[in-house]
Amino acid sequence: MKVRVDPERCQGHTLCSMIAPTLFTLDDEDGHSTAIDGEVPADLESKAAEAIRSCPEQAISVIP
């Protein structure tokens, strides 16, 4: 599983980083999120799914 944050949709709510801090990094200036590059570790897939569901802007998606 890989995740992606759409930079056009992300508004910097930071919920994803609060839920899964090892999967998302926040920009120091505006708080916009970026997902880790590469596969989400199997033990963090449920946290990634929770972050996806929690994003108010629906900016996070699973990519092939």
Protein backbone atom coordinates (compact mmCIF):
# COMPACT_ATOMS: atom_id res chain seq x y z
CA MET A 1 0.00 0.00 0.00
CA LYS A 2 1.21 3.49 -0.87
CA VAL A 3 -0.48 6.78 -0.02
CA ARG A 4 -0.43 10.15 -1.71
CA VAL A 5 -1.49 13.61 -0.59
CA ASP A 6 -2.97 15.85 -3.27
CA PRO A 7 -1.22 19.21 -2.71
CA GLU A 8 -4.08 21.04 -4.42
CA ARG A 9 -6.63 19.72 -1.92
CA CYS A 10 -4.60 19.67 1.30
CA GLN A 11 -5.48 22.63 3.52
CA GLY A 12 -3.07 21.88 6.37
CA HIS A 13 -5.51 20.54 8.96
CA THR A 14 -2.68 18.18 10.11
CA LEU A 15 -5.04 15.38 11.17
CA CYS A 16 -3.13 12.84 9.09
CA SER A 17 0.11 13.65 10.86
CA MET A 18 -1.56 13.48 14.26
CA ILE A 19 -2.95 10.03 13.43
CA ALA A 20 0.13 8.63 11.67
CA PRO A 21 3.16 10.86 12.31
CA THR A 22 5.60 8.43 10.72
CA LEU A 23 3.63 8.36 7.45
CA PHE A 24 3.15 12.09 6.87
CA THR A 25 5.39 15.13 7.10
CA LEU A 26 4.18 18.68 7.47
CA ASP A 27 5.50 21.76 5.71
CA ASP A 28 6.96 24.17 8.26
CA GLU A 29 5.39 27.21 6.59
CA ASP A 30 1.81 26.25 5.81
CA GLY A 31 1.29 22.88 7.51
CA HIS A 32 0.46 21.11 4.27
CA SER A 33 1.13 17.41 4.36
CA THR A 34 3.27 15.11 2.26
CA ALA A 35 3.12 11.31 2.45
CA ILE A 36 6.20 9.15 2.86
CA ASP A 37 7.79 7.92 -0.32
CA GLY A 38 7.40 4.18 -0.68
CA GLU A 39 5.33 1.43 0.84
CA VAL A 40 3.40 1.91 4.04
CA PRO A 41 4.64 -0.71 6.53
CA ALA A 42 2.04 -3.43 7.06
CA ASP A 43 1.69 -2.60 10.75
CA LEU A 44 0.75 1.00 9.88
CA GLU A 45 -1.83 0.27 7.16
CA SER A 46 -4.72 0.70 9.59
CA LYS A 47 -3.33 4.10 10.66
CA ALA A 48 -3.00 5.10 7.00
CA ALA A 49 -6.63 4.09 6.39
CA GLU A 50 -7.72 6.09 9.44
CA ALA A 51 -5.83 9.15 8.14
CA ILE A 52 -7.51 8.78 4.75
CA ARG A 53 -10.97 8.65 6.36
CA SER A 54 -10.17 11.58 8.68
CA CYS A 55 -8.98 14.04 6.06
CA PRO A 56 -11.66 16.78 5.80
CA GLU A 57 -10.54 17.67 2.28
CA GLN A 58 -10.29 14.03 1.09
CA ALA A 59 -6.77 14.87 -0.06
CA ILE A 60 -5.22 11.49 0.78
CA SER A 61 -5.55 8.49 -1.49
CA VAL A 62 -4.10 5.03 -1.97
CA ILE A 63 -1.96 4.68 -5.08
CA PRO A 64 -0.99 1.48 -6.91
